[in-house]
Amino acid sequence: DGTSALANGASQWITAEAARTDGHAWRKRAGAILTGIG
């Protein structure tokens, strides 16, 4: 239903370990990773 974090900010972990590992593979192929101060 499109929720990325609960109203209290909790977001770890919505997806399971396989998806998190796959996400790191996409991190690996990038030249840089960007995030915000928040």
PDB file of all heavy atoms in Angstrom:
ATOM      1  N   ASP A   1       0.817  -1.215   0.000  1.00  0.00           N
ATOM      2  CA  ASP A   1       0.000   0.000   0.000  1.00  0.00           C
ATOM      3  C   ASP A   1       0.851   1.267   0.000  1.00  0.00           C
ATOM      4  O   ASP A   1       0.374   2.353   0.329  1.00  0.00           O
ATOM      5  CB  ASP A   1      -1.000   0.011   1.162  1.00  0.00           C
ATOM      6  CG  ASP A   1      -0.366  -0.314   2.507  1.00  0.00           C
ATOM      7  OD1 ASP A   1       0.818  -0.699   2.534  1.00  0.00           O
ATOM      8  OD2 ASP A   1      -1.059  -0.196   3.535  1.00  0.00           O
ATOM      9  N   GLY A   2       2.125   1.147  -0.383  1.00  0.00           N
ATOM     10  CA  GLY A   2       2.961   2.318  -0.638  1.00  0.00           C
ATOM     11  C   GLY A   2       3.557   2.988   0.568  1.00  0.00           C
ATOM     12  O   GLY A   2       4.041   4.115   0.474  1.00  0.00           O
ATOM     13  N   THR A   3       3.585   2.322   1.715  1.00  0.00           N
ATOM     14  CA  THR A   3       4.169   2.910   2.916  1.00  0.00           C
ATOM     15  C   THR A   3       5.656   2.575   2.986  1.00  0.00           C
ATOM     16  O   THR A   3       6.037   1.404   2.971  1.00  0.00           O
ATOM     17  CB  THR A   3       3.459   2.389   4.183  1.00  0.00           C
ATOM     18  OG1 THR A   3       2.087   2.805   4.152  1.00  0.00           O
ATOM     19  CG2 THR A   3       4.112   2.924   5.438  1.00  0.00           C
ATOM     20  N   SER A   4       6.486   3.605   3.058  1.00  0.00           N
ATOM     21  CA  SER A   4       7.932   3.397   3.141  1.00  0.00           C
ATOM     22  C   SER A   4       8.440   3.459   4.568  1.00  0.00           C
ATOM     23  O   SER A   4       9.558   3.032   4.858  1.00  0.00           O
ATOM     24  CB  SER A   4       8.669   4.439   2.295  1.00  0.00           C
ATOM     25  OG  SER A   4       8.442   5.751   2.797  1.00  0.00           O
ATOM     26  N   ALA A   5       7.636   4.005   5.472  1.00  0.00           N
ATOM     27  CA  ALA A   5       7.982   4.059   6.892  1.00  0.00           C
ATOM     28  C   ALA A   5       6.698   4.330   7.667  1.00  0.00           C
ATOM     29  O   ALA A   5       5.770   4.972   7.158  1.00  0.00           O
ATOM     30  CB  ALA A   5       9.008   5.152   7.174  1.00  0.00           C
ATOM     31  N   LEU A   6       6.647   3.837   8.885  1.00  0.00           N
ATOM     32  CA  LEU A   6       5.479   4.108   9.727  1.00  0.00           C
ATOM     33  C   LEU A   6       5.454   5.574  10.140  1.00  0.00           C
ATOM     34  O   LEU A   6       6.437   6.300   9.970  1.00  0.00           O
ATOM     35  CB  LEU A   6       5.514   3.208  10.964  1.00  0.00           C
ATOM     36  CG  LEU A   6       5.484   1.701  10.711  1.00  0.00           C
ATOM     37  CD1 LEU A   6       5.492   0.942  12.031  1.00  0.00           C
ATOM     38  CD2 LEU A   6       4.280   1.297   9.862  1.00  0.00           C
ATOM     39  N   ALA A   7       4.356   6.006  10.687  1.00  0.00           N
ATOM     40  CA  ALA A   7       4.210   7.401  11.089  1.00  0.00           C
ATOM     41  C   ALA A   7       5.249   7.801  12.131  1.00  0.00           C
ATOM     42  O   ALA A   7       5.645   8.963  12.214  1.00  0.00           O
ATOM     43  CB  ALA A   7       2.801   7.646  11.629  1.00  0.00           C
ATOM     44  N   ASN A   8       5.712   6.820  12.924  1.00  0.00           N
ATOM     45  CA  ASN A   8       6.739   7.119  13.934  1.00  0.00           C
ATOM     46  C   ASN A   8       8.153   7.046  13.376  1.00  0.00           C
ATOM     47  O   ASN A   8       9.130   7.177  14.108  1.00  0.00           O
ATOM     48  CB  ASN A   8       6.609   6.167  15.128  1.00  0.00           C
ATOM     49  CG  ASN A   8       6.823   4.704  14.738  1.00  0.00           C
ATOM     50  OD1 ASN A   8       7.220   4.399  13.606  1.00  0.00           O
ATOM     51  ND2 ASN A   8       6.556   3.803  15.670  1.00  0.00           N
ATOM     52  N   GLY A   9       8.281   6.806  12.040  1.00  0.00           N
ATOM     53  CA  GLY A   9       9.579   6.776  11.394  1.00  0.00           C
ATOM     54  C   GLY A   9      10.184   5.400  11.237  1.00  0.00           C
ATOM     55  O   GLY A   9      11.196   5.243  10.535  1.00  0.00           O
ATOM     56  N   ALA A  10       9.629   4.378  11.859  1.00  0.00           N
ATOM     57  CA  ALA A  10      10.184   3.031  11.775  1.00  0.00           C
ATOM     58  C   ALA A  10      10.106   2.501  10.350  1.00  0.00           C
ATOM     59  O   ALA A  10       9.044   2.538   9.720  1.00  0.00           O
ATOM     60  CB  ALA A  10       9.437   2.095  12.727  1.00  0.00           C
ATOM     61  N   SER A  11      11.244   1.999   9.828  1.00  0.00           N
ATOM     62  CA  SER A  11      11.264   1.489   8.460  1.00  0.00           C
ATOM     63  C   SER A  11      12.143   0.257   8.294  1.00  0.00           C
ATOM     64  O   SER A  11      12.274  -0.261   7.186  1.00  0.00           O
ATOM     65  CB  SER A  11      11.758   2.585   7.500  1.00  0.00           C
ATOM     66  OG  SER A  11      13.086   2.976   7.821  1.00  0.00           O
ATOM     67  N   GLN A  12      12.780  -0.211   9.351  1.00  0.00           N
ATOM     68  CA  GLN A  12      13.664  -1.371   9.251  1.00  0.00           C
ATOM     69  C   GLN A  12      13.020  -2.580   9.925  1.00  0.00           C
ATOM     70  O   GLN A  12      12.746  -2.530  11.126  1.00  0.00           O
ATOM     71  CB  GLN A  12      15.011  -1.072   9.916  1.00  0.00           C
ATOM     72  CG  GLN A  12      15.799   0.039   9.208  1.00  0.00           C
ATOM     73  CD  GLN A  12      17.135   0.303   9.869  1.00  0.00           C
ATOM     74  OE1 GLN A  12      17.309   0.094  11.067  1.00  0.00           O
ATOM     75  NE2 GLN A  12      18.086   0.775   9.096  1.00  0.00           N
ATOM     76  N   TRP A  13      12.771  -3.672   9.214  1.00  0.00           N
ATOM     77  CA  TRP A  13      13.002  -3.763   7.782  1.00  0.00           C
ATOM     78  C   TRP A  13      11.677  -4.075   7.113  1.00  0.00           C
ATOM     79  O   TRP A  13      10.982  -5.023   7.510  1.00  0.00           O
ATOM     80  CB  TRP A  13      14.020  -4.860   7.458  1.00  0.00           C
ATOM     81  CG  TRP A  13      15.359  -4.630   8.044  1.00  0.00           C
ATOM     82  CD1 TRP A  13      15.862  -5.165   9.196  1.00  0.00           C
ATOM     83  CD2 TRP A  13      16.386  -3.800   7.511  1.00  0.00           C
ATOM     84  NE1 TRP A  13      17.136  -4.717   9.401  1.00  0.00           N
ATOM     85  CE2 TRP A  13      17.485  -3.883   8.382  1.00  0.00           C
ATOM     86  CE3 TRP A  13      16.485  -2.985   6.380  1.00  0.00           C
ATOM     87  CZ2 TRP A  13      18.662  -3.182   8.152  1.00  0.00           C
ATOM     88  CZ3 TRP A  13      17.652  -2.297   6.149  1.00  0.00           C
ATOM     89  CH2 TRP A  13      18.720  -2.399   7.028  1.00  0.00           C
ATOM     90  N   ILE A  14      11.306  -3.303   6.085  1.00  0.00           N
ATOM     91  CA  ILE A  14      10.082  -3.571   5.347  1.00  0.00           C
ATOM     92  C   ILE A  14      10.274  -4.786   4.451  1.00  0.00           C
ATOM     93  O   ILE A  14       9.416  -5.658   4.373  1.00  0.00           O
ATOM     94  CB  ILE A  14       9.671  -2.327   4.528  1.00  0.00           C
ATOM     95  CG1 ILE A  14       9.191  -1.219   5.471  1.00  0.00           C
ATOM     96  CG2 ILE A  14       8.579  -2.678   3.528  1.00  0.00           C
ATOM     97  CD1 ILE A  14       8.818   0.064   4.772  1.00  0.00           C
ATOM     98  N   THR A  15      11.407  -4.860   3.774  1.00  0.00           N
ATOM     99  CA  THR A  15      11.698  -5.979   2.885  1.00  0.00           C
ATOM    100  C   THR A  15      12.563  -7.016   3.597  1.00  0.00           C
ATOM    101  O   THR A  15      13.149  -6.747   4.646  1.00  0.00           O
ATOM    102  CB  THR A  15      12.416  -5.493   1.617  1.00  0.00           C
ATOM    103  OG1 THR A  15      13.587  -4.751   1.994  1.00  0.00           O
ATOM    104  CG2 THR A  15      11.509  -4.596   0.791  1.00  0.00           C
ATOM    105  N   ALA A  16      12.663  -8.197   2.995  1.00  0.00           N
ATOM    106  CA  ALA A  16      13.414  -9.293   3.586  1.00  0.00           C
ATOM    107  C   ALA A  16      14.889  -9.224   3.181  1.00  0.00           C
ATOM    108  O   ALA A  16      15.311  -8.375   2.394  1.00  0.00           O
ATOM    109  CB  ALA A  16      12.801 -10.625   3.168  1.00  0.00           C
ATOM    110  N   GLU A  17      15.664 -10.161   3.708  1.00  0.00           N
ATOM    111  CA  GLU A  17      17.117 -10.138   3.526  1.00  0.00           C
ATOM    112  C   GLU A  17      17.535 -10.238   2.066  1.00  0.00           C
ATOM    113  O   GLU A  17      18.475  -9.568   1.633  1.00  0.00           O
ATOM    114  CB  GLU A  17      17.751 -11.279   4.318  1.00  0.00           C
ATOM    115  CG  GLU A  17      19.269 -11.297   4.256  1.00  0.00           C
ATOM    116  CD  GLU A  17      19.872 -12.396   5.106  1.00  0.00           C
ATOM    117  OE1 GLU A  17      19.112 -13.085   5.816  1.00  0.00           O
ATOM    118  OE2 GLU A  17      21.109 -12.573   5.052  1.00  0.00           O
ATOM    119  N   ALA A  18      16.839 -11.048   1.279  1.00  0.00           N
ATOM    120  CA  ALA A  18      17.213 -11.210  -0.131  1.00  0.00           C
ATOM    121  C   ALA A  18      17.122  -9.885  -0.880  1.00  0.00           C
ATOM    122  O   ALA A  18      17.994  -9.558  -1.698  1.00  0.00           O
ATOM    123  CB  ALA A  18      16.326 -12.262  -0.796  1.00  0.00           C
ATOM    124  N   ALA A  19      16.077  -9.110  -0.617  1.00  0.00           N
ATOM    125  CA  ALA A  19      15.912  -7.817  -1.278  1.00  0.00           C
ATOM    126  C   ALA A  19      16.980  -6.837  -0.819  1.00  0.00           C
ATOM    127  O   ALA A  19      17.496  -6.042  -1.615  1.00  0.00           O
ATOM    128  CB  ALA A  19      14.523  -7.261  -1.008  1.00  0.00           C
ATOM    129  N   ARG A  20      17.331  -6.879   0.458  1.00  0.00           N
ATOM    130  CA  ARG A  20      18.373  -5.978   0.960  1.00  0.00           C
ATOM    131  C   ARG A  20      19.724  -6.314   0.334  1.00  0.00           C
ATOM    132  O   ARG A  20      20.498  -5.411  -0.015  1.00  0.00           O
ATOM    133  CB  ARG A  20      18.449  -6.044   2.486  1.00  0.00           C
ATOM    134  CG  ARG A  20      17.154  -5.590   3.163  1.00  0.00           C
ATOM    135  CD  ARG A  20      17.357  -5.280   4.635  1.00  0.00           C
ATOM    136  NE  ARG A  20      17.746  -6.446   5.413  1.00  0.00           N
ATOM    137  CZ  ARG A  20      16.892  -7.289   5.971  1.00  0.00           C
ATOM    138  NH1 ARG A  20      15.592  -7.133   5.793  1.00  0.00           N
ATOM    139  NH2 ARG A  20      17.321  -8.297   6.711  1.00  0.00           N
ATOM    140  N   THR A  21      20.011  -7.602   0.182  1.00  0.00           N
ATOM    141  CA  THR A  21      21.258  -8.013  -0.471  1.00  0.00           C
ATOM    142  C   THR A  21      21.266  -7.573  -1.929  1.00  0.00           C
ATOM    143  O   THR A  21      22.274  -7.084  -2.442  1.00  0.00           O
ATOM    144  CB  THR A  21      21.431  -9.535  -0.382  1.00  0.00           C
ATOM    145  OG1 THR A  21      21.474  -9.919   0.996  1.00  0.00           O
ATOM    146  CG2 THR A  21      22.718  -9.983  -1.064  1.00  0.00           C
ATOM    147  N   ASP A  22      20.144  -7.724  -2.600  1.00  0.00           N
ATOM    148  CA  ASP A  22      20.027  -7.297  -3.994  1.00  0.00           C
ATOM    149  C   ASP A  22      20.242  -5.794  -4.110  1.00  0.00           C
ATOM    150  O   ASP A  22      20.893  -5.311  -5.045  1.00  0.00           O
ATOM    151  CB  ASP A  22      18.654  -7.677  -4.543  1.00  0.00           C
ATOM    152  CG  ASP A  22      18.542  -7.471  -6.039  1.00  0.00           C
ATOM    153  OD1 ASP A  22      19.173  -8.228  -6.784  1.00  0.00           O
ATOM    154  OD2 ASP A  22      17.827  -6.531  -6.460  1.00  0.00           O
ATOM    155  N   GLY A  23      19.731  -5.048  -3.136  1.00  0.00           N
ATOM    156  CA  GLY A  23      19.933  -3.598  -3.146  1.00  0.00           C
ATOM    157  C   GLY A  23      21.394  -3.225  -3.040  1.00  0.00           C
ATOM    158  O   GLY A  23      21.857  -2.259  -3.663  1.00  0.00           O
ATOM    159  N   HIS A  24      22.179  -4.000  -2.279  1.00  0.00           N
ATOM    160  CA  HIS A  24      23.607  -3.734  -2.165  1.00  0.00           C
ATOM    161  C   HIS A  24      24.328  -4.045  -3.472  1.00  0.00           C
ATOM    162  O   HIS A  24      25.347  -3.412  -3.792  1.00  0.00           O
ATOM    163  CB  HIS A  24      24.206  -4.537  -1.008  1.00  0.00           C
ATOM    164  CG  HIS A  24      24.057  -3.851   0.315  1.00  0.00           C
ATOM    165  ND1 HIS A  24      25.128  -3.511   1.105  1.00  0.00           N
ATOM    166  CD2 HIS A  24      22.951  -3.422   0.978  1.00  0.00           C
ATOM    167  CE1 HIS A  24      24.702  -2.910   2.204  1.00  0.00           C
ATOM    168  NE2 HIS A  24      23.371  -2.851   2.147  1.00  0.00           N
ATOM    169  N   ALA A  25      23.821  -5.004  -4.239  1.00  0.00           N
ATOM    170  CA  ALA A  25      24.409  -5.282  -5.550  1.00  0.00           C
ATOM    171  C   ALA A  25      24.223  -4.085  -6.483  1.00  0.00           C
ATOM    172  O   ALA A  25      25.114  -3.764  -7.284  1.00  0.00           O
ATOM    173  CB  ALA A  25      23.778  -6.536  -6.158  1.00  0.00           C
ATOM    174  N   TRP A  26      23.082  -3.405  -6.361  1.00  0.00           N
ATOM    175  CA  TRP A  26      22.867  -2.203  -7.166  1.00  0.00           C
ATOM    176  C   TRP A  26      23.734  -1.052  -6.646  1.00  0.00           C
ATOM    177  O   TRP A  26      24.203  -0.227  -7.425  1.00  0.00           O
ATOM    178  CB  TRP A  26      21.389  -1.817  -7.161  1.00  0.00           C
ATOM    179  CG  TRP A  26      20.564  -2.727  -8.002  1.00  0.00           C
ATOM    180  CD1 TRP A  26      19.924  -3.869  -7.622  1.00  0.00           C
ATOM    181  CD2 TRP A  26      20.311  -2.579  -9.405  1.00  0.00           C
ATOM    182  NE1 TRP A  26      19.289  -4.437  -8.682  1.00  0.00           N
ATOM    183  CE2 TRP A  26      19.497  -3.679  -9.788  1.00  0.00           C
ATOM    184  CE3 TRP A  26      20.677  -1.642 -10.362  1.00  0.00           C
ATOM    185  CZ2 TRP A  26      19.054  -3.843 -11.107  1.00  0.00           C
ATOM    186  CZ3 TRP A  26      20.227  -1.803 -11.663  1.00  0.00           C
ATOM    187  CH2 TRP A  26      19.431  -2.900 -12.025  1.00  0.00           C
ATOM    188  N   ARG A  27      23.938  -0.988  -5.344  1.00  0.00           N
ATOM    189  CA  ARG A  27      24.886  -0.002  -4.804  1.00  0.00           C
ATOM    190  C   ARG A  27      26.273  -0.225  -5.410  1.00  0.00           C
ATOM    191  O   ARG A  27      26.962   0.711  -5.801  1.00  0.00           O
ATOM    192  CB  ARG A  27      24.997  -0.139  -3.286  1.00  0.00           C
ATOM    193  CG  ARG A  27      23.882   0.451  -2.464  1.00  0.00           C
ATOM    194  CD  ARG A  27      24.232   0.353  -0.979  1.00  0.00           C
ATOM    195  NE  ARG A  27      23.197   0.873  -0.096  1.00  0.00           N
ATOM    196  CZ  ARG A  27      23.306   0.971   1.211  1.00  0.00           C
ATOM    197  NH1 ARG A  27      24.423   0.558   1.800  1.00  0.00           N
ATOM    198  NH2 ARG A  27      22.322   1.458   1.939  1.00  0.00           N
ATOM    199  N   LYS A  28      26.662  -1.488  -5.469  1.00  0.00           N
ATOM    200  CA  LYS A  28      28.008  -1.844  -5.935  1.00  0.00           C
ATOM    201  C   LYS A  28      28.261  -1.357  -7.363  1.00  0.00           C
ATOM    202  O   LYS A  28      29.369  -0.904  -7.685  1.00  0.00           O
ATOM    203  CB  LYS A  28      28.179  -3.359  -5.852  1.00  0.00           C
ATOM    204  CG  LYS A  28      29.475  -3.887  -6.431  1.00  0.00           C
ATOM    205  CD  LYS A  28      29.535  -5.414  -6.361  1.00  0.00           C
ATOM    206  CE  LYS A  28      30.786  -5.951  -7.029  1.00  0.00           C
ATOM    207  NZ  LYS A  28      30.865  -7.432  -6.939  1.00  0.00           N
ATOM    208  N   ARG A  29      27.261  -1.437  -8.228  1.00  0.00           N
ATOM    209  CA  ARG A  29      27.481  -1.076  -9.625  1.00  0.00           C
ATOM    210  C   ARG A  29      27.535   0.439  -9.840  1.00  0.00           C
ATOM    211  O   ARG A  29      27.962   0.915 -10.880  1.00  0.00           O
ATOM    212  CB  ARG A  29      26.445  -1.727 -10.534  1.00  0.00           C
ATOM    213  CG  ARG A  29      25.118  -1.015 -10.663  1.00  0.00           C
ATOM    214  CD  ARG A  29      24.273  -1.615 -11.791  1.00  0.00           C
ATOM    215  NE  ARG A  29      24.343  -0.822 -13.021  1.00  0.00           N
ATOM    216  CZ  ARG A  29      23.882  -1.221 -14.197  1.00  0.00           C
ATOM    217  NH1 ARG A  29      23.359  -2.416 -14.327  1.00  0.00           N
ATOM    218  NH2 ARG A  29      23.954  -0.444 -15.264  1.00  0.00           N
ATOM    219  N   ALA A  30      27.105   1.208  -8.848  1.00  0.00           N
ATOM    220  CA  ALA A  30      27.069   2.667  -8.988  1.00  0.00           C
ATOM    221  C   ALA A  30      28.433   3.283  -8.685  1.00  0.00           C
ATOM    222  O   ALA A  30      29.231   2.742  -7.924  1.00  0.00           O
ATOM    223  CB  ALA A  30      26.017   3.260  -8.061  1.00  0.00           C
ATOM    224  N   GLY A  31      28.672   4.450  -9.278  1.00  0.00           N
ATOM    225  CA  GLY A  31      29.888   5.190  -8.974  1.00  0.00           C
ATOM    226  C   GLY A  31      29.775   5.973  -7.687  1.00  0.00           C
ATOM    227  O   GLY A  31      30.774   6.271  -7.033  1.00  0.00           O
ATOM    228  N   ALA A  32      28.532   6.307  -7.296  1.00  0.00           N
ATOM    229  CA  ALA A  32      28.311   7.078  -6.073  1.00  0.00           C
ATOM    230  C   ALA A  32      26.928   6.771  -5.530  1.00  0.00           C
ATOM    231  O   ALA A  32      26.017   6.396  -6.270  1.00  0.00           O
ATOM    232  CB  ALA A  32      28.447   8.576  -6.344  1.00  0.00           C
ATOM    233  N   ILE A  33      26.780   6.929  -4.203  1.00  0.00           N
ATOM    234  CA  ILE A  33      25.505   6.731  -3.522  1.00  0.00           C
ATOM    235  C   ILE A  33      25.139   8.040  -2.833  1.00  0.00           C
ATOM    236  O   ILE A  33      25.958   8.617  -2.123  1.00  0.00           O
ATOM    237  CB  ILE A  33      25.601   5.608  -2.475  1.00  0.00           C
ATOM    238  CG1 ILE A  33      26.130   4.320  -3.107  1.00  0.00           C
ATOM    239  CG2 ILE A  33      24.248   5.361  -1.835  1.00  0.00           C
ATOM    240  CD1 ILE A  33      26.409   3.221  -2.099  1.00  0.00           C
ATOM    241  N   LEU A  34      23.914   8.500  -3.053  1.00  0.00           N
ATOM    242  CA  LEU A  34      23.487   9.792  -2.525  1.00  0.00           C
ATOM    243  C   LEU A  34      22.358   9.623  -1.517  1.00  0.00           C
ATOM    244  O   LEU A  34      21.445   8.821  -1.707  1.00  0.00           O
ATOM    245  CB  LEU A  34      23.027  10.697  -3.668  1.00  0.00           C
ATOM    246  CG  LEU A  34      22.524  12.091  -3.290  1.00  0.00           C
ATOM    247  CD1 LEU A  34      22.961  13.127  -4.322  1.00  0.00           C
ATOM    248  CD2 LEU A  34      20.984  12.120  -3.175  1.00  0.00           C
ATOM    249  N   THR A  35      22.422  10.426  -0.451  1.00  0.00           N
ATOM    250  CA  THR A  35      21.329  10.509   0.512  1.00  0.00           C
ATOM    251  C   THR A  35      21.239  11.932   1.034  1.00  0.00           C
ATOM    252  O   THR A  35      22.053  12.794   0.682  1.00  0.00           O
ATOM    253  CB  THR A  35      21.529   9.495   1.667  1.00  0.00           C
ATOM    254  OG1 THR A  35      20.288   9.364   2.373  1.00  0.00           O
ATOM    255  CG2 THR A  35      22.611   9.960   2.625  1.00  0.00           C
ATOM    256  N   GLY A  36      20.241  12.177   1.896  1.00  0.00           N
ATOM    257  CA  GLY A  36      20.045  13.507   2.459  1.00  0.00           C
ATOM    258  C   GLY A  36      20.343  13.536   3.939  1.00  0.00           C
ATOM    259  O   GLY A  36      20.388  12.496   4.608  1.00  0.00           O
ATOM    260  N   ILE A  37      20.509  14.712   4.474  1.00  0.00           N
ATOM    261  CA  ILE A  37      20.870  14.864   5.883  1.00  0.00           C
ATOM    262  C   ILE A  37      19.753  14.351   6.792  1.00  0.00           C
ATOM    263  O   ILE A  37      20.035  13.850   7.900  1.00  0.00           O
ATOM    264  CB  ILE A  37      21.202  16.348   6.205  1.00  0.00           C
ATOM    265  CG1 ILE A  37      21.744  16.473   7.630  1.00  0.00           C
ATOM    266  CG2 ILE A  37      19.992  17.239   5.964  1.00  0.00           C
ATOM    267  CD1 ILE A  37      23.004  15.690   7.907  1.00  0.00           C
ATOM    268  N   GLY A  38      18.510  14.413   6.357  1.00  0.00           N
ATOM    269  CA  GLY A  38      17.423  13.893   7.180  1.00  0.00           C
ATOM    270  C   GLY A  38      17.587  12.415   7.458  1.00  0.00           C
ATOM    271  O   GLY A  38      17.419  11.956   8.598  1.00  0.00           O
TER     272      GLY A  38
END
